[in-house]
């Protein structure tokens, strides 16, 4: 149960960070004494990131595990990034520097989960942690792009998507490791709070459990895409105003003032043609002579 609570709390925190990163939420302003150099719009995000980093740092200090030092390094980088805007500096740190610091923290997290256990471990949890590297890599790449273009919106949205996928997958790992939702034929073998593995009885159980993990990850990815599409549609529909009425197109306006020149001539009904020709009767006198052209059939 403690493992489920820890994974679920971390996942929900990452989801909240993703929402603060991507959505224009209206939150109550923070006291000015807390904001030395941090802008108001990103202060809540940095405070929440600092809280999550501090909890991970405390957990790494209390656990005696061979991954305590890598966890401490990654948590310290995230904590430094979170508290940097609140430091009493003469000038606020540039956004490019903060993004590079955050990229270093994501790179440390990537190395942490890539080398979480020795290569001899063959537990099912390895499949879950290998899939967890996908959103971490997305966050790392998006942060590097944000450092290159601080005012661009796509890198921030990509980082928010990576954080959201990290959050949902973290909650999924908590339920798949520490509840009855574990794959059939597999069981959790835990020596300490952070040292555990999931073993299965046969090779068929191992293959089935890995396939279930991949299928679950695909479901989380599809859910993320669906939620992003719904959120985008809601934001677009809320920001655009409906049209007041029908407007005529430009070509329709131009054609409205033109006279109709369409005629329908019939072969059975032909009118006599009148030809007018000038006849000279002097220099300045002109007369008009009408010539009747007979109907030729």
C-alpha atoms as a PDB file:
ATOM      1  CA  UNK A   1       0.000   0.000   0.000  1.00  0.00           C
ATOM      2  CA  UNK A   2       2.786   2.606   0.672  1.00  0.00           C
ATOM      3  CA  UNK A   3       4.116   1.966  -2.832  1.00  0.00           C
ATOM      4  CA  UNK A   4       0.687   2.554  -4.351  1.00  0.00           C
ATOM      5  CA  UNK A   5       0.286   5.812  -2.443  1.00  0.00           C
ATOM      6  CA  UNK A   6       3.740   7.028  -3.480  1.00  0.00           C
ATOM      7  CA  UNK A   7       3.259   6.217  -7.162  1.00  0.00           C
ATOM      8  CA  UNK A   8      -0.255   7.661  -7.248  1.00  0.00           C
ATOM      9  CA  UNK A   9       0.793  10.892  -5.506  1.00  0.00           C
ATOM     10  CA  UNK A  10       3.710  11.355  -7.888  1.00  0.00           C
ATOM     11  CA  UNK A  11       1.488  10.655 -10.899  1.00  0.00           C
ATOM     12  CA  UNK A  12      -1.202  13.103  -9.833  1.00  0.00           C
ATOM     13  CA  UNK A  13       1.456  15.733  -9.173  1.00  0.00           C
ATOM     14  CA  UNK A  14       2.856  15.287 -12.676  1.00  0.00           C
ATOM     15  CA  UNK A  15      -0.649  15.601 -14.120  1.00  0.00           C
ATOM     16  CA  UNK A  16      -1.121  18.868 -12.227  1.00  0.00           C
ATOM     17  CA  UNK A  17       2.206  20.124 -13.573  1.00  0.00           C
ATOM     18  CA  UNK A  18       1.110  19.252 -17.106  1.00  0.00           C
ATOM     19  CA  UNK A  19      -2.131  21.182 -16.636  1.00  0.00           C
ATOM     20  CA  UNK A  20      -0.258  24.236 -15.334  1.00  0.00           C
ATOM     21  CA  UNK A  21       2.169  23.994 -18.241  1.00  0.00           C
ATOM     22  CA  UNK A  22      -0.378  23.781 -21.041  1.00  0.00           C
ATOM     23  CA  UNK A  23      -3.701  25.279 -19.922  1.00  0.00           C
ATOM     24  CA  UNK A  24      -4.354  28.984 -19.234  1.00  0.00           C
ATOM     25  CA  UNK A  25      -5.713  28.400 -15.721  1.00  0.00           C
ATOM     26  CA  UNK A  26      -6.843  31.306 -13.574  1.00  0.00           C
ATOM     27  CA  UNK A  27      -5.283  30.756 -10.148  1.00  0.00           C
ATOM     28  CA  UNK A  28      -5.221  33.136  -7.181  1.00  0.00           C
ATOM     29  CA  UNK A  29      -2.096  35.323  -7.173  1.00  0.00           C
ATOM     30  CA  UNK A  30       0.690  34.620  -4.723  1.00  0.00           C
ATOM     31  CA  UNK A  31       1.972  37.191  -2.196  1.00  0.00           C
ATOM     32  CA  UNK A  32       4.527  39.550  -3.626  1.00  0.00           C
ATOM     33  CA  UNK A  33       7.010  38.740  -0.876  1.00  0.00           C
ATOM     34  CA  UNK A  34       7.313  35.219  -2.281  1.00  0.00           C
ATOM     35  CA  UNK A  35       7.969  36.475  -5.787  1.00  0.00           C
ATOM     36  CA  UNK A  36      11.387  38.044  -5.848  1.00  0.00           C
ATOM     37  CA  UNK A  37      12.116  37.495  -9.541  1.00  0.00           C
ATOM     38  CA  UNK A  38       9.529  34.879 -10.565  1.00  0.00           C
ATOM     39  CA  UNK A  39       6.677  36.004 -12.829  1.00  0.00           C
ATOM     40  CA  UNK A  40       3.175  35.446 -11.512  1.00  0.00           C
ATOM     41  CA  UNK A  41       2.068  33.145 -14.357  1.00  0.00           C
ATOM     42  CA  UNK A  42       4.712  30.469 -13.670  1.00  0.00           C
ATOM     43  CA  UNK A  43       4.992  30.775  -9.879  1.00  0.00           C
ATOM     44  CA  UNK A  44       2.417  28.067  -9.146  1.00  0.00           C
ATOM     45  CA  UNK A  45       4.125  25.652 -11.512  1.00  0.00           C
ATOM     46  CA  UNK A  46       7.510  26.187  -9.876  1.00  0.00           C
ATOM     47  CA  UNK A  47       6.061  25.811  -6.382  1.00  0.00           C
ATOM     48  CA  UNK A  48       4.377  22.513  -7.258  1.00  0.00           C
ATOM     49  CA  UNK A  49       7.567  21.248  -8.910  1.00  0.00           C
ATOM     50  CA  UNK A  50       9.535  22.228  -5.820  1.00  0.00           C
ATOM     51  CA  UNK A  51       7.117  20.290  -3.602  1.00  0.00           C
ATOM     52  CA  UNK A  52       7.378  17.129  -5.717  1.00  0.00           C
ATOM     53  CA  UNK A  53      11.171  17.414  -5.921  1.00  0.00           C
ATOM     54  CA  UNK A  54      11.465  17.876  -2.168  1.00  0.00           C
ATOM     55  CA  UNK A  55       9.332  14.775  -1.525  1.00  0.00           C
ATOM     56  CA  UNK A  56      11.465  12.684  -3.907  1.00  0.00           C
ATOM     57  CA  UNK A  57      14.609  14.051  -2.265  1.00  0.00           C
ATOM     58  CA  UNK A  58      13.321  13.130   1.174  1.00  0.00           C
ATOM     59  CA  UNK A  59      12.348   9.648   0.019  1.00  0.00           C
ATOM     60  CA  UNK A  60      15.810   9.078  -1.425  1.00  0.00           C
ATOM     61  CA  UNK A  61      17.441  10.200   1.817  1.00  0.00           C
ATOM     62  CA  UNK A  62      15.331   7.829   3.916  1.00  0.00           C
ATOM     63  CA  UNK A  63      15.821   4.773   1.689  1.00  0.00           C
ATOM     64  CA  UNK A  64      19.039   2.746   1.754  1.00  0.00           C
ATOM     65  CA  UNK A  65      19.208   1.619  -1.855  1.00  0.00           C
ATOM     66  CA  UNK A  66      21.861   1.461  -4.542  1.00  0.00           C
ATOM     67  CA  UNK A  67      19.878   4.036  -6.545  1.00  0.00           C
ATOM     68  CA  UNK A  68      19.708   6.589  -3.744  1.00  0.00           C
ATOM     69  CA  UNK A  69      22.557   8.703  -5.130  1.00  0.00           C
ATOM     70  CA  UNK A  70      21.185   8.914  -8.717  1.00  0.00           C
ATOM     71  CA  UNK A  71      17.765   9.742  -7.289  1.00  0.00           C
ATOM     72  CA  UNK A  72      19.311  12.432  -5.114  1.00  0.00           C
ATOM     73  CA  UNK A  73      21.074  13.934  -8.130  1.00  0.00           C
ATOM     74  CA  UNK A  74      17.936  14.052 -10.272  1.00  0.00           C
ATOM     75  CA  UNK A  75      15.774  15.392  -7.422  1.00  0.00           C
ATOM     76  CA  UNK A  76      18.360  18.059  -6.579  1.00  0.00           C
ATOM     77  CA  UNK A  77      18.395  19.298 -10.188  1.00  0.00           C
ATOM     78  CA  UNK A  78      14.607  19.484 -10.307  1.00  0.00           C
ATOM     79  CA  UNK A  79      14.569  21.298  -6.955  1.00  0.00           C
ATOM     80  CA  UNK A  80      17.190  23.796  -8.120  1.00  0.00           C
ATOM     81  CA  UNK A  81      15.156  24.498 -11.257  1.00  0.00           C
ATOM     82  CA  UNK A  82      11.993  24.962  -9.202  1.00  0.00           C
ATOM     83  CA  UNK A  83      13.522  27.360  -6.673  1.00  0.00           C
ATOM     84  CA  UNK A  84      15.705  29.358  -9.068  1.00  0.00           C
ATOM     85  CA  UNK A  85      13.005  31.963  -9.890  1.00  0.00           C
ATOM     86  CA  UNK A  86      12.423  32.624  -6.173  1.00  0.00           C
ATOM     87  CA  UNK A  87      16.061  33.332  -5.315  1.00  0.00           C
ATOM     88  CA  UNK A  88      16.774  36.958  -4.299  1.00  0.00           C
ATOM     89  CA  UNK A  89      18.817  37.835  -7.345  1.00  0.00           C
ATOM     90  CA  UNK A  90      19.483  41.246  -8.838  1.00  0.00           C
ATOM     91  CA  UNK A  91      17.938  40.126 -12.134  1.00  0.00           C
ATOM     92  CA  UNK A  92      15.685  37.180 -12.935  1.00  0.00           C
ATOM     93  CA  UNK A  93      17.462  34.203 -14.517  1.00  0.00           C
ATOM     94  CA  UNK A  94      16.935  34.015 -18.280  1.00  0.00           C
ATOM     95  CA  UNK A  95      14.431  31.423 -19.486  1.00  0.00           C
ATOM     96  CA  UNK A  96      17.097  29.734 -21.612  1.00  0.00           C
ATOM     97  CA  UNK A  97      19.180  29.023 -18.511  1.00  0.00           C
ATOM     98  CA  UNK A  98      16.197  27.575 -16.651  1.00  0.00           C
ATOM     99  CA  UNK A  99      15.306  25.361 -19.609  1.00  0.00           C
ATOM    100  CA  UNK A 100      18.868  24.064 -19.836  1.00  0.00           C
ATOM    101  CA  UNK A 101      18.801  23.277 -16.118  1.00  0.00           C
ATOM    102  CA  UNK A 102      15.499  21.457 -16.560  1.00  0.00           C
ATOM    103  CA  UNK A 103      16.923  19.541 -19.548  1.00  0.00           C
ATOM    104  CA  UNK A 104      19.816  18.385 -17.363  1.00  0.00           C
ATOM    105  CA  UNK A 105      17.300  17.175 -14.766  1.00  0.00           C
ATOM    106  CA  UNK A 106      15.330  15.227 -17.388  1.00  0.00           C
ATOM    107  CA  UNK A 107      18.571  13.721 -18.720  1.00  0.00           C
ATOM    108  CA  UNK A 108      19.436  12.554 -15.198  1.00  0.00           C
ATOM    109  CA  UNK A 109      15.942  11.084 -14.829  1.00  0.00           C
ATOM    110  CA  UNK A 110      16.387   9.278 -18.155  1.00  0.00           C
ATOM    111  CA  UNK A 111      19.638   7.716 -16.970  1.00  0.00           C
ATOM    112  CA  UNK A 112      18.074   6.825 -13.625  1.00  0.00           C
ATOM    113  CA  UNK A 113      15.236   4.771 -15.120  1.00  0.00           C
ATOM    114  CA  UNK A 114      17.403   3.334 -17.895  1.00  0.00           C
ATOM    115  CA  UNK A 115      19.827   1.832 -15.335  1.00  0.00           C
ATOM    116  CA  UNK A 116      17.429   1.261 -12.476  1.00  0.00           C
ATOM    117  CA  UNK A 117      18.441  -2.344 -11.799  1.00  0.00           C
ATOM    118  CA  UNK A 118      21.264  -4.655 -12.714  1.00  0.00           C
ATOM    119  CA  UNK A 119      21.045  -6.334 -16.099  1.00  0.00           C
ATOM    120  CA  UNK A 120      20.471  -9.696 -14.419  1.00  0.00           C
ATOM    121  CA  UNK A 121      17.032  -8.646 -13.165  1.00  0.00           C
ATOM    122  CA  UNK A 122      14.285 -10.011 -15.382  1.00  0.00           C
ATOM    123  CA  UNK A 123      11.187  -8.755 -13.600  1.00  0.00           C
ATOM    124  CA  UNK A 124       8.099  -7.497 -15.365  1.00  0.00           C
ATOM    125  CA  UNK A 125       8.653  -4.059 -13.848  1.00  0.00           C
ATOM    126  CA  UNK A 126      11.533  -3.591 -16.312  1.00  0.00           C
ATOM    127  CA  UNK A 127       9.017  -3.445 -19.163  1.00  0.00           C
ATOM    128  CA  UNK A 128       7.067  -0.716 -17.379  1.00  0.00           C
ATOM    129  CA  UNK A 129      10.184   1.338 -16.701  1.00  0.00           C
ATOM    130  CA  UNK A 130      11.399   0.912 -20.266  1.00  0.00           C
ATOM    131  CA  UNK A 131       8.093   2.302 -21.521  1.00  0.00           C
ATOM    132  CA  UNK A 132       8.397   5.136 -18.994  1.00  0.00           C
ATOM    133  CA  UNK A 133      11.495   6.299 -20.863  1.00  0.00           C
ATOM    134  CA  UNK A 134       9.311   7.383 -23.814  1.00  0.00           C
ATOM    135  CA  UNK A 135       7.604  10.375 -22.101  1.00  0.00           C
ATOM    136  CA  UNK A 136      10.859  11.298 -20.340  1.00  0.00           C
ATOM    137  CA  UNK A 137      12.591  11.478 -23.730  1.00  0.00           C
ATOM    138  CA  UNK A 138       9.739  13.624 -25.068  1.00  0.00           C
ATOM    139  CA  UNK A 139      10.151  16.017 -22.132  1.00  0.00           C
ATOM    140  CA  UNK A 140      13.907  16.191 -22.681  1.00  0.00           C
ATOM    141  CA  UNK A 141      13.596  16.975 -26.382  1.00  0.00           C
ATOM    142  CA  UNK A 142      10.815  19.518 -25.834  1.00  0.00           C
ATOM    143  CA  UNK A 143      12.838  21.286 -23.135  1.00  0.00           C
ATOM    144  CA  UNK A 144      15.842  21.589 -25.431  1.00  0.00           C
ATOM    145  CA  UNK A 145      13.596  23.064 -28.116  1.00  0.00           C
ATOM    146  CA  UNK A 146      12.137  25.465 -25.549  1.00  0.00           C
ATOM    147  CA  UNK A 147      15.654  26.594 -24.630  1.00  0.00           C
ATOM    148  CA  UNK A 148      16.283  27.385 -28.292  1.00  0.00           C
ATOM    149  CA  UNK A 149      12.924  29.183 -28.761  1.00  0.00           C
ATOM    150  CA  UNK A 150      11.614  30.395 -25.368  1.00  0.00           C
ATOM    151  CA  UNK A 151       8.541  32.129 -26.818  1.00  0.00           C
ATOM    152  CA  UNK A 152       7.388  29.197 -28.965  1.00  0.00           C
ATOM    153  CA  UNK A 153       4.241  27.400 -27.824  1.00  0.00           C
ATOM    154  CA  UNK A 154       4.739  23.912 -29.413  1.00  0.00           C
ATOM    155  CA  UNK A 155       7.704  22.931 -27.167  1.00  0.00           C
ATOM    156  CA  UNK A 156       5.702  23.789 -24.058  1.00  0.00           C
ATOM    157  CA  UNK A 157       2.722  21.789 -25.279  1.00  0.00           C
ATOM    158  CA  UNK A 158       4.963  18.824 -26.082  1.00  0.00           C
ATOM    159  CA  UNK A 159       6.521  19.005 -22.621  1.00  0.00           C
ATOM    160  CA  UNK A 160       3.067  19.160 -21.064  1.00  0.00           C
ATOM    161  CA  UNK A 161       2.059  16.063 -23.035  1.00  0.00           C
ATOM    162  CA  UNK A 162       5.174  14.262 -21.820  1.00  0.00           C
ATOM    163  CA  UNK A 163       4.477  15.222 -18.225  1.00  0.00           C
ATOM    164  CA  UNK A 164       0.864  14.070 -18.530  1.00  0.00           C
ATOM    165  CA  UNK A 165       1.934  10.709 -19.940  1.00  0.00           C
ATOM    166  CA  UNK A 166       4.465  10.353 -17.143  1.00  0.00           C
ATOM    167  CA  UNK A 167       1.723  11.024 -14.613  1.00  0.00           C
ATOM    168  CA  UNK A 168      -0.820   8.562 -15.981  1.00  0.00           C
ATOM    169  CA  UNK A 169       1.819   5.862 -16.466  1.00  0.00           C
ATOM    170  CA  UNK A 170       3.098   6.388 -12.922  1.00  0.00           C
ATOM    171  CA  UNK A 171      -0.401   5.798 -11.569  1.00  0.00           C
ATOM    172  CA  UNK A 172      -0.692   2.716 -13.801  1.00  0.00           C
ATOM    173  CA  UNK A 173       2.576   1.324 -12.436  1.00  0.00           C
ATOM    174  CA  UNK A 174       1.349   1.806  -8.890  1.00  0.00           C
ATOM    175  CA  UNK A 175      -1.783  -0.226  -9.561  1.00  0.00           C
ATOM    176  CA  UNK A 176       0.029  -2.849 -11.661  1.00  0.00           C
ATOM    177  CA  UNK A 177       2.748  -3.404  -9.038  1.00  0.00           C
ATOM    178  CA  UNK A 178       0.998  -3.195  -5.681  1.00  0.00           C
ATOM    179  CA  UNK A 179      -2.639  -4.257  -6.245  1.00  0.00           C
ATOM    180  CA  UNK A 180      -4.551  -7.218  -7.604  1.00  0.00           C
ATOM    181  CA  UNK A 181      -4.322  -5.639 -11.088  1.00  0.00           C
ATOM    182  CA  UNK A 182      -0.972  -7.363 -11.483  1.00  0.00           C
ATOM    183  CA  UNK A 183      -0.697  -9.717 -14.466  1.00  0.00           C
ATOM    184  CA  UNK A 184      -2.033 -13.242 -14.050  1.00  0.00           C
ATOM    185  CA  UNK A 185       0.639 -15.732 -13.022  1.00  0.00           C
ATOM    186  CA  UNK A 186       2.958 -13.039 -11.591  1.00  0.00           C
ATOM    187  CA  UNK A 187       3.613 -11.944  -8.007  1.00  0.00           C
ATOM    188  CA  UNK A 188       5.422  -9.118  -6.249  1.00  0.00           C
ATOM    189  CA  UNK A 189       8.596 -10.005  -4.328  1.00  0.00           C
ATOM    190  CA  UNK A 190       9.592  -7.041  -2.166  1.00  0.00           C
ATOM    191  CA  UNK A 191      12.622  -7.017   0.095  1.00  0.00           C
ATOM    192  CA  UNK A 192      12.352  -3.363   1.108  1.00  0.00           C
ATOM    193  CA  UNK A 193      10.128  -0.434   0.249  1.00  0.00           C
ATOM    194  CA  UNK A 194      12.149   0.417  -2.855  1.00  0.00           C
ATOM    195  CA  UNK A 195      13.801  -2.919  -3.615  1.00  0.00           C
ATOM    196  CA  UNK A 196      11.253  -5.194  -5.278  1.00  0.00           C
ATOM    197  CA  UNK A 197      10.696  -7.256  -8.382  1.00  0.00           C
ATOM    198  CA  UNK A 198       7.740  -8.947 -10.092  1.00  0.00           C
ATOM    199  CA  UNK A 199       8.326 -12.571 -11.028  1.00  0.00           C
ATOM    200  CA  UNK A 200       6.156 -14.919 -13.058  1.00  0.00           C
ATOM    201  CA  UNK A 201       5.865 -18.684 -12.986  1.00  0.00           C
ATOM    202  CA  UNK A 202       6.524 -19.578 -16.617  1.00  0.00           C
ATOM    203  CA  UNK A 203       7.916 -18.011 -19.755  1.00  0.00           C
ATOM    204  CA  UNK A 204       4.408 -17.763 -21.174  1.00  0.00           C
ATOM    205  CA  UNK A 205       3.403 -15.684 -18.149  1.00  0.00           C
ATOM    206  CA  UNK A 206       6.372 -13.399 -18.714  1.00  0.00           C
ATOM    207  CA  UNK A 207       5.471 -12.862 -22.373  1.00  0.00           C
ATOM    208  CA  UNK A 208       1.810 -12.282 -21.538  1.00  0.00           C
ATOM    209  CA  UNK A 209       2.667  -9.778 -18.794  1.00  0.00           C
ATOM    210  CA  UNK A 210       4.973  -7.836 -21.111  1.00  0.00           C
ATOM    211  CA  UNK A 211       2.296  -7.770 -23.792  1.00  0.00           C
ATOM    212  CA  UNK A 212      -0.225  -6.501 -21.263  1.00  0.00           C
ATOM    213  CA  UNK A 213       2.176  -3.713 -20.248  1.00  0.00           C
ATOM    214  CA  UNK A 214       2.631  -2.648 -23.881  1.00  0.00           C
ATOM    215  CA  UNK A 215      -1.113  -2.719 -24.456  1.00  0.00           C
ATOM    216  CA  UNK A 216      -1.693  -0.595 -21.358  1.00  0.00           C
ATOM    217  CA  UNK A 217       0.855   1.956 -22.538  1.00  0.00           C
ATOM    218  CA  UNK A 218      -0.848   2.181 -25.932  1.00  0.00           C
ATOM    219  CA  UNK A 219      -4.142   2.788 -24.146  1.00  0.00           C
ATOM    220  CA  UNK A 220      -2.616   5.615 -22.092  1.00  0.00           C
ATOM    221  CA  UNK A 221      -1.162   7.146 -25.238  1.00  0.00           C
ATOM    222  CA  UNK A 222      -4.530   6.993 -27.011  1.00  0.00           C
ATOM    223  CA  UNK A 223      -6.217   8.519 -23.960  1.00  0.00           C
ATOM    224  CA  UNK A 224      -3.689  11.361 -23.978  1.00  0.00           C
ATOM    225  CA  UNK A 225      -4.341  12.084 -27.660  1.00  0.00           C
ATOM    226  CA  UNK A 226      -8.096  12.045 -27.096  1.00  0.00           C
ATOM    227  CA  UNK A 227      -7.873  14.340 -24.073  1.00  0.00           C
ATOM    228  CA  UNK A 228      -5.627  16.727 -25.998  1.00  0.00           C
ATOM    229  CA  UNK A 229      -8.042  16.866 -28.923  1.00  0.00           C
ATOM    230  CA  UNK A 230     -11.027  17.519 -26.639  1.00  0.00           C
ATOM    231  CA  UNK A 231      -9.141  20.225 -24.722  1.00  0.00           C
ATOM    232  CA  UNK A 232      -8.036  21.896 -27.944  1.00  0.00           C
ATOM    233  CA  UNK A 233     -11.582  21.862 -29.306  1.00  0.00           C
ATOM    234  CA  UNK A 234     -12.913  23.334 -26.044  1.00  0.00           C
ATOM    235  CA  UNK A 235     -10.327  26.137 -26.042  1.00  0.00           C
ATOM    236  CA  UNK A 236     -10.938  26.974 -29.705  1.00  0.00           C
ATOM    237  CA  UNK A 237     -14.728  26.958 -29.343  1.00  0.00           C
ATOM    238  CA  UNK A 238     -14.554  29.115 -26.234  1.00  0.00           C
ATOM    239  CA  UNK A 239     -12.256  31.692 -27.804  1.00  0.00           C
ATOM    240  CA  UNK A 240     -14.072  32.136 -31.126  1.00  0.00           C
ATOM    241  CA  UNK A 241     -17.346  34.065 -31.366  1.00  0.00           C
ATOM    242  CA  UNK A 242     -20.158  32.866 -33.648  1.00  0.00           C
ATOM    243  CA  UNK A 243     -20.919  34.850 -36.803  1.00  0.00           C
ATOM    244  CA  UNK A 244     -23.600  37.537 -36.470  1.00  0.00           C
ATOM    245  CA  UNK A 245     -25.321  36.753 -39.765  1.00  0.00           C
ATOM    246  CA  UNK A 246     -24.989  35.854 -43.415  1.00  0.00           C
ATOM    247  CA  UNK A 247     -22.623  37.916 -45.505  1.00  0.00           C
ATOM    248  CA  UNK A 248     -22.574  37.990 -49.302  1.00  0.00           C
ATOM    249  CA  UNK A 249     -19.355  36.961 -50.934  1.00  0.00           C
ATOM    250  CA  UNK A 250     -17.335  39.405 -53.011  1.00  0.00           C
ATOM    251  CA  UNK A 251     -18.232  37.803 -56.313  1.00  0.00           C
ATOM    252  CA  UNK A 252     -21.903  37.826 -55.398  1.00  0.00           C
ATOM    253  CA  UNK A 253     -21.721  41.535 -54.618  1.00  0.00           C
ATOM    254  CA  UNK A 254     -20.066  42.234 -57.952  1.00  0.00           C
ATOM    255  CA  UNK A 255     -22.546  40.155 -59.930  1.00  0.00           C
ATOM    256  CA  UNK A 256     -25.493  41.801 -58.190  1.00  0.00           C
ATOM    257  CA  UNK A 257     -24.922  45.115 -60.004  1.00  0.00           C
ATOM    258  CA  UNK A 258     -24.356  43.602 -63.455  1.00  0.00           C
ATOM    259  CA  UNK A 259     -27.362  43.422 -65.877  1.00  0.00           C
ATOM    260  CA  UNK A 260     -28.422  40.048 -67.055  1.00  0.00           C
ATOM    261  CA  UNK A 261     -27.249  39.427 -70.628  1.00  0.00           C
ATOM    262  CA  UNK A 262     -28.581  35.919 -70.988  1.00  0.00           C
ATOM    263  CA  UNK A 263     -30.923  35.347 -73.990  1.00  0.00           C
ATOM    264  CA  UNK A 264     -32.515  32.243 -75.343  1.00  0.00           C
ATOM    265  CA  UNK A 265     -32.897  32.252 -79.121  1.00  0.00           C
ATOM    266  CA  UNK A 266     -35.126  29.752 -80.842  1.00  0.00           C
ATOM    267  CA  UNK A 267     -34.606  28.400 -84.342  1.00  0.00           C
ATOM    268  CA  UNK A 268     -38.343  28.630 -85.107  1.00  0.00           C
ATOM    269  CA  UNK A 269     -38.693  32.253 -84.039  1.00  0.00           C
ATOM    270  CA  UNK A 270     -36.317  34.596 -85.851  1.00  0.00           C
ATOM    271  CA  UNK A 271     -36.849  38.259 -85.965  1.00  0.00           C
ATOM    272  CA  UNK A 272     -36.164  40.464 -88.902  1.00  0.00           C
ATOM    273  CA  UNK A 273     -32.797  42.081 -88.814  1.00  0.00           C
ATOM    274  CA  UNK A 274     -32.705  45.795 -89.306  1.00  0.00           C
ATOM    275  CA  UNK A 275     -29.580  47.115 -90.931  1.00  0.00           C
ATOM    276  CA  UNK A 276     -28.952  50.803 -90.783  1.00  0.00           C
ATOM    277  CA  UNK A 277     -26.576  52.275 -93.371  1.00  0.00           C
ATOM    278  CA  UNK A 278     -25.666  55.891 -93.920  1.00  0.00           C
ATOM    279  CA  UNK A 279     -26.323  57.386 -97.414  1.00  0.00           C
ATOM    280  CA  UNK A 280     -24.359  60.342 -98.423  1.00  0.00           C
ATOM    281  CA  UNK A 281     -26.367  63.167-100.062  1.00  0.00           C
ATOM    282  CA  UNK A 282     -23.873  65.801 -99.886  1.00  0.00           C
ATOM    283  CA  UNK A 283     -21.063  66.560 -97.551  1.00  0.00           C
ATOM    284  CA  UNK A 284     -22.878  66.985 -94.291  1.00  0.00           C
ATOM    285  CA  UNK A 285     -26.248  65.319 -94.922  1.00  0.00           C
ATOM    286  CA  UNK A 286     -26.879  61.773 -93.894  1.00  0.00           C
ATOM    287  CA  UNK A 287     -30.032  59.662 -94.201  1.00  0.00           C
ATOM    288  CA  UNK A 288     -30.811  56.285 -92.754  1.00  0.00           C
ATOM    289  CA  UNK A 289     -32.126  53.589 -95.007  1.00  0.00           C
ATOM    290  CA  UNK A 290     -33.739  50.525 -93.510  1.00  0.00           C
ATOM    291  CA  UNK A 291     -33.080  47.308 -95.346  1.00  0.00           C
ATOM    292  CA  UNK A 292     -35.457  44.431 -94.833  1.00  0.00           C
ATOM    293  CA  UNK A 293     -33.639  41.131 -94.890  1.00  0.00           C
ATOM    294  CA  UNK A 294     -36.020  38.339 -95.890  1.00  0.00           C
ATOM    295  CA  UNK A 295     -36.168  35.173 -93.914  1.00  0.00           C
ATOM    296  CA  UNK A 296     -34.209  32.573 -95.795  1.00  0.00           C
ATOM    297  CA  UNK A 297     -35.218  29.006 -95.305  1.00  0.00           C
END
